[in-house]
């Protein structure tokens, strides 16, 4: 279980790093930065909901 959460943390931190780099590259393009923020929000939300689901399944 700890390994799974660790994996999610690694994925989320790498996504944040990628988003920051893209943010710097596309700093002059606000539309692209909005798209990146939306995608990042979706990824973080799905990772959090997956962790919650894993915890619920573990309790059964």
PDB file of N, CA and C in Angstrom:
ATOM      1  N   UNK A   1       0.841  -1.203   0.000  1.00  0.00           N
ATOM      2  CA  UNK A   1       0.000   0.000   0.000  1.00  0.00           C
ATOM      3  C   UNK A   1       0.878   1.255   0.000  1.00  0.00           C
ATOM      4  N   UNK A   2       1.909   1.251   0.848  1.00  0.00           N
ATOM      5  CA  UNK A   2       2.792   2.418   0.917  1.00  0.00           C
ATOM      6  C   UNK A   2       3.468   2.664  -0.429  1.00  0.00           C
ATOM      7  N   UNK A   3       3.828   1.581  -1.101  1.00  0.00           N
ATOM      8  CA  UNK A   3       4.469   1.727  -2.411  1.00  0.00           C
ATOM      9  C   UNK A   3       3.528   2.392  -3.409  1.00  0.00           C
ATOM     10  N   UNK A   4       2.234   2.028  -3.362  1.00  0.00           N
ATOM     11  CA  UNK A   4       1.271   2.624  -4.296  1.00  0.00           C
ATOM     12  C   UNK A   4       1.192   4.130  -4.088  1.00  0.00           C
ATOM     13  N   UNK A   5       1.039   4.555  -2.831  1.00  0.00           N
ATOM     14  CA  UNK A   5       0.948   5.990  -2.543  1.00  0.00           C
ATOM     15  C   UNK A   5       2.247   6.672  -2.960  1.00  0.00           C
ATOM     16  N   UNK A   6       3.386   6.018  -2.716  1.00  0.00           N
ATOM     17  CA  UNK A   6       4.675   6.555  -3.137  1.00  0.00           C
ATOM     18  C   UNK A   6       4.691   6.768  -4.641  1.00  0.00           C
ATOM     19  N   UNK A   7       4.193   5.786  -5.386  1.00  0.00           N
ATOM     20  CA  UNK A   7       4.139   5.895  -6.842  1.00  0.00           C
ATOM     21  C   UNK A   7       3.300   7.089  -7.273  1.00  0.00           C
ATOM     22  N   UNK A   8       2.147   7.283  -6.608  1.00  0.00           N
ATOM     23  CA  UNK A   8       1.300   8.424  -6.937  1.00  0.00           C
ATOM     24  C   UNK A   8       2.029   9.732  -6.649  1.00  0.00           C
ATOM     25  N   UNK A   9       2.755   9.780  -5.520  1.00  0.00           N
ATOM     26  CA  UNK A   9       3.497  10.997  -5.181  1.00  0.00           C
ATOM     27  C   UNK A   9       4.534  11.302  -6.253  1.00  0.00           C
ATOM     28  N   UNK A  10       5.257  10.263  -6.705  1.00  0.00           N
ATOM     29  CA  UNK A  10       6.275  10.458  -7.740  1.00  0.00           C
ATOM     30  C   UNK A  10       5.620  10.968  -9.019  1.00  0.00           C
ATOM     31  N   UNK A  11       4.499  10.341  -9.413  1.00  0.00           N
ATOM     32  CA  UNK A  11       3.799  10.759 -10.634  1.00  0.00           C
ATOM     33  C   UNK A  11       3.330  12.203 -10.499  1.00  0.00           C
ATOM     34  N   UNK A  12       2.737  12.541  -9.358  1.00  0.00           N
ATOM     35  CA  UNK A  12       2.199  13.888  -9.174  1.00  0.00           C
ATOM     36  C   UNK A  12       3.304  14.930  -9.165  1.00  0.00           C
ATOM     37  N   UNK A  13       4.435  14.635  -8.491  1.00  0.00           N
ATOM     38  CA  UNK A  13       5.520  15.615  -8.462  1.00  0.00           C
ATOM     39  C   UNK A  13       6.110  15.794  -9.857  1.00  0.00           C
ATOM     40  N   UNK A  14       6.254  14.689 -10.603  1.00  0.00           N
ATOM     41  CA  UNK A  14       6.790  14.811 -11.965  1.00  0.00           C
ATOM     42  C   UNK A  14       5.829  15.610 -12.839  1.00  0.00           C
ATOM     43  N   UNK A  15       4.508  15.419 -12.656  1.00  0.00           N
ATOM     44  CA  UNK A  15       3.525  16.189 -13.422  1.00  0.00           C
ATOM     45  C   UNK A  15       3.620  17.670 -13.074  1.00  0.00           C
ATOM     46  N   UNK A  16       3.814  17.978 -11.799  1.00  0.00           N
ATOM     47  CA  UNK A  16       3.947  19.378 -11.385  1.00  0.00           C
ATOM     48  C   UNK A  16       5.186  19.993 -12.017  1.00  0.00           C
ATOM     49  N   UNK A  17       6.306  19.241 -12.009  1.00  0.00           N
ATOM     50  CA  UNK A  17       7.549  19.739 -12.609  1.00  0.00           C
ATOM     51  C   UNK A  17       7.340  20.003 -14.096  1.00  0.00           C
ATOM     52  N   UNK A  18       6.713  19.039 -14.790  1.00  0.00           N
ATOM     53  CA  UNK A  18       6.444  19.210 -16.223  1.00  0.00           C
ATOM     54  C   UNK A  18       5.560  20.433 -16.451  1.00  0.00           C
ATOM     55  N   UNK A  19       4.529  20.592 -15.620  1.00  0.00           N
ATOM     56  CA  UNK A  19       3.616  21.726 -15.769  1.00  0.00           C
ATOM     57  C   UNK A  19       4.351  23.050 -15.577  1.00  0.00           C
ATOM     58  N   UNK A  20       5.251  23.102 -14.590  1.00  0.00           N
ATOM     59  CA  UNK A  20       6.017  24.327 -14.340  1.00  0.00           C
ATOM     60  C   UNK A  20       6.904  24.644 -15.538  1.00  0.00           C
ATOM     61  N   UNK A  21       7.577  23.610 -16.079  1.00  0.00           N
ATOM     62  CA  UNK A  21       8.445  23.817 -17.245  1.00  0.00           C
ATOM     63  C   UNK A  21       7.618  24.315 -18.429  1.00  0.00           C
ATOM     64  N   UNK A  22       6.473  23.664 -18.678  1.00  0.00           N
ATOM     65  CA  UNK A  22       5.603  24.092 -19.784  1.00  0.00           C
ATOM     66  C   UNK A  22       5.096  25.510 -19.546  1.00  0.00           C
ATOM     67  N   UNK A  23       4.789  25.821 -18.294  1.00  0.00           N
ATOM     68  CA  UNK A  23       4.312  27.157 -17.937  1.00  0.00           C
ATOM     69  C   UNK A  23       5.358  28.198 -18.324  1.00  0.00           C
ATOM     70  N   UNK A  24       6.642  27.894 -18.056  1.00  0.00           N
ATOM     71  CA  UNK A  24       7.725  28.821 -18.402  1.00  0.00           C
ATOM     72  C   UNK A  24       7.831  28.946 -19.926  1.00  0.00           C
ATOM     73  N   UNK A  25       7.764  27.789 -20.631  1.00  0.00           N
ATOM     74  CA  UNK A  25       7.894  27.809 -22.088  1.00  0.00           C
ATOM     75  C   UNK A  25       6.763  28.594 -22.742  1.00  0.00           C
ATOM     76  N   UNK A  26       5.528  28.380 -22.262  1.00  0.00           N
ATOM     77  CA  UNK A  26       4.365  29.003 -22.892  1.00  0.00           C
ATOM     78  C   UNK A  26       3.870  30.194 -22.077  1.00  0.00           C
ATOM     79  N   UNK A  27       4.807  30.909 -21.450  1.00  0.00           N
ATOM     80  CA  UNK A  27       4.437  32.018 -20.576  1.00  0.00           C
ATOM     81  C   UNK A  27       3.683  33.093 -21.350  1.00  0.00           C
ATOM     82  N   UNK A  28       3.986  33.237 -22.635  1.00  0.00           N
ATOM     83  CA  UNK A  28       3.365  34.291 -23.430  1.00  0.00           C
ATOM     84  C   UNK A  28       2.003  33.868 -23.975  1.00  0.00           C
ATOM     85  N   UNK A  29       1.644  32.586 -23.790  1.00  0.00           N
ATOM     86  CA  UNK A  29       0.392  32.087 -24.354  1.00  0.00           C
ATOM     87  C   UNK A  29      -0.567  31.707 -23.221  1.00  0.00           C
ATOM     88  N   UNK A  30      -1.494  32.590 -22.849  1.00  0.00           N
ATOM     89  CA  UNK A  30      -2.381  32.310 -21.704  1.00  0.00           C
ATOM     90  C   UNK A  30      -3.321  31.136 -21.939  1.00  0.00           C
ATOM     91  N   UNK A  31      -3.731  30.913 -23.196  1.00  0.00           N
ATOM     92  CA  UNK A  31      -4.654  29.809 -23.492  1.00  0.00           C
ATOM     93  C   UNK A  31      -3.988  28.479 -23.159  1.00  0.00           C
ATOM     94  N   UNK A  32      -2.726  28.321 -23.579  1.00  0.00           N
ATOM     95  CA  UNK A  32      -1.993  27.078 -23.319  1.00  0.00           C
ATOM     96  C   UNK A  32      -1.845  26.867 -21.815  1.00  0.00           C
ATOM     97  N   UNK A  33      -1.542  27.935 -21.082  1.00  0.00           N
ATOM     98  CA  UNK A  33      -1.350  27.791 -19.633  1.00  0.00           C
ATOM     99  C   UNK A  33      -2.660  27.384 -18.954  1.00  0.00           C
ATOM    100  N   UNK A  34      -3.794  27.888 -19.450  1.00  0.00           N
ATOM    101  CA  UNK A  34      -5.095  27.479 -18.883  1.00  0.00           C
ATOM    102  C   UNK A  34      -5.322  25.995 -19.137  1.00  0.00           C
ATOM    103  N   UNK A  35      -5.019  25.538 -20.370  1.00  0.00           N
ATOM    104  CA  UNK A  35      -5.188  24.118 -20.706  1.00  0.00           C
ATOM    105  C   UNK A  35      -4.316  23.261 -19.791  1.00  0.00           C
ATOM    106  N   UNK A  36      -3.058  23.683 -19.574  1.00  0.00           N
ATOM    107  CA  UNK A  36      -2.131  22.930 -18.721  1.00  0.00           C
ATOM    108  C   UNK A  36      -2.691  22.854 -17.296  1.00  0.00           C
ATOM    109  N   UNK A  37      -3.196  23.984 -16.785  1.00  0.00           N
ATOM    110  CA  UNK A  37      -3.739  23.993 -15.419  1.00  0.00           C
ATOM    111  C   UNK A  37      -4.933  23.053 -15.299  1.00  0.00           C
ATOM    112  N   UNK A  38      -5.801  23.045 -16.309  1.00  0.00           N
ATOM    113  CA  UNK A  38      -6.969  22.153 -16.277  1.00  0.00           C
ATOM    114  C   UNK A  38      -6.515  20.696 -16.280  1.00  0.00           C
ATOM    115  N   UNK A  39      -5.560  20.366 -17.175  1.00  0.00           N
ATOM    116  CA  UNK A  39      -5.061  18.989 -17.252  1.00  0.00           C
ATOM    117  C   UNK A  39      -4.426  18.577 -15.927  1.00  0.00           C
ATOM    118  N   UNK A  40      -3.635  19.481 -15.337  1.00  0.00           N
ATOM    119  CA  UNK A  40      -2.975  19.182 -14.063  1.00  0.00           C
ATOM    120  C   UNK A  40      -4.017  18.942 -12.970  1.00  0.00           C
ATOM    121  N   UNK A  41      -5.061  19.774 -12.953  1.00  0.00           N
ATOM    122  CA  UNK A  41      -6.128  19.587 -11.973  1.00  0.00           C
ATOM    123  C   UNK A  41      -6.801  18.232 -12.124  1.00  0.00           C
ATOM    124  N   UNK A  42      -7.052  17.826 -13.379  1.00  0.00           N
ATOM    125  CA  UNK A  42      -7.680  16.521 -13.629  1.00  0.00           C
ATOM    126  C   UNK A  42      -6.777  15.401 -13.133  1.00  0.00           C
ATOM    127  N   UNK A  43      -5.475  15.502 -13.430  1.00  0.00           N
ATOM    128  CA  UNK A  43      -4.523  14.456 -13.027  1.00  0.00           C
ATOM    129  C   UNK A  43      -4.464  14.349 -11.506  1.00  0.00           C
ATOM    130  N   UNK A  44      -4.341  15.484 -10.819  1.00  0.00           N
ATOM    131  CA  UNK A  44      -4.257  15.474  -9.355  1.00  0.00           C
ATOM    132  C   UNK A  44      -5.552  14.918  -8.760  1.00  0.00           C
ATOM    133  N   UNK A  45      -6.705  15.343  -9.312  1.00  0.00           N
ATOM    134  CA  UNK A  45      -7.995  14.856  -8.802  1.00  0.00           C
ATOM    135  C   UNK A  45      -8.114  13.348  -8.972  1.00  0.00           C
ATOM    136  N   UNK A  46      -7.710  12.843 -10.144  1.00  0.00           N
ATOM    137  CA  UNK A  46      -7.821  11.395 -10.385  1.00  0.00           C
ATOM    138  C   UNK A  46      -6.876  10.623  -9.463  1.00  0.00           C
ATOM    139  N   UNK A  47      -5.672  11.164  -9.223  1.00  0.00           N
ATOM    140  CA  UNK A  47      -4.725  10.492  -8.331  1.00  0.00           C
ATOM    141  C   UNK A  47      -5.277  10.443  -6.904  1.00  0.00           C
ATOM    142  N   UNK A  48      -5.837  11.563  -6.436  1.00  0.00           N
ATOM    143  CA  UNK A  48      -6.388  11.607  -5.072  1.00  0.00           C
ATOM    144  C   UNK A  48      -7.569  10.644  -4.947  1.00  0.00           C
ATOM    145  N   UNK A  49      -8.479  10.661  -5.939  1.00  0.00           N
ATOM    146  CA  UNK A  49      -9.644   9.768  -5.863  1.00  0.00           C
ATOM    147  C   UNK A  49      -9.210   8.306  -5.917  1.00  0.00           C
ATOM    148  N   UNK A  50      -8.136   8.027  -6.665  1.00  0.00           N
ATOM    149  CA  UNK A  50      -7.627   6.653  -6.750  1.00  0.00           C
ATOM    150  C   UNK A  50      -7.080   6.208  -5.391  1.00  0.00           C
ATOM    151  N   UNK A  51      -6.358   7.093  -4.713  1.00  0.00           N
ATOM    152  CA  UNK A  51      -5.817   6.766  -3.387  1.00  0.00           C
ATOM    153  C   UNK A  51      -6.977   6.501  -2.421  1.00  0.00           C
ATOM    154  N   UNK A  52      -8.023   7.341  -2.476  1.00  0.00           N
ATOM    155  CA  UNK A  52      -9.177   7.159  -1.586  1.00  0.00           C
ATOM    156  C   UNK A  52      -9.847   5.820  -1.874  1.00  0.00           C
ATOM    157  N   UNK A  53     -10.020   5.488  -3.164  1.00  0.00           N
ATOM    158  CA  UNK A  53     -10.640   4.210  -3.536  1.00  0.00           C
ATOM    159  C   UNK A  53      -9.794   3.042  -3.043  1.00  0.00           C
ATOM    160  N   UNK A  54      -8.462   3.146  -3.183  1.00  0.00           N
ATOM    161  CA  UNK A  54      -7.573   2.081  -2.703  1.00  0.00           C
ATOM    162  C   UNK A  54      -7.746   1.887  -1.200  1.00  0.00           C
ATOM    163  N   UNK A  55      -7.830   2.980  -0.445  1.00  0.00           N
ATOM    164  CA  UNK A  55      -8.007   2.880   1.002  1.00  0.00           C
ATOM    165  C   UNK A  55      -9.341   2.221   1.342  1.00  0.00           C
ATOM    166  N   UNK A  56     -10.401   2.566   0.601  1.00  0.00           N
ATOM    167  CA  UNK A  56     -11.718   1.960   0.856  1.00  0.00           C
ATOM    168  C   UNK A  56     -11.682   0.467   0.552  1.00  0.00           C
ATOM    169  N   UNK A  57     -11.037   0.085  -0.543  1.00  0.00           N
ATOM    170  CA  UNK A  57     -10.954  -1.328  -0.912  1.00  0.00           C
ATOM    171  C   UNK A  57     -10.146  -2.116   0.116  1.00  0.00           C
ATOM    172  N   UNK A  58      -9.124  -1.477   0.682  1.00  0.00           N
ATOM    173  CA  UNK A  58      -8.279  -2.140   1.682  1.00  0.00           C
ATOM    174  C   UNK A  58      -9.083  -2.449   2.951  1.00  0.00           C
ATOM    175  N   UNK A  59     -10.013  -1.565   3.307  1.00  0.00           N
ATOM    176  CA  UNK A  59     -10.805  -1.758   4.527  1.00  0.00           C
ATOM    177  C   UNK A  59     -11.742  -2.958   4.422  1.00  0.00           C
ATOM    178  N   UNK A  60     -12.181  -3.292   3.215  1.00  0.00           N
ATOM    179  CA  UNK A  60     -13.155  -4.391   3.047  1.00  0.00           C
ATOM    180  C   UNK A  60     -12.569  -5.732   3.466  1.00  0.00           C
TER     181      UNK A  60
END
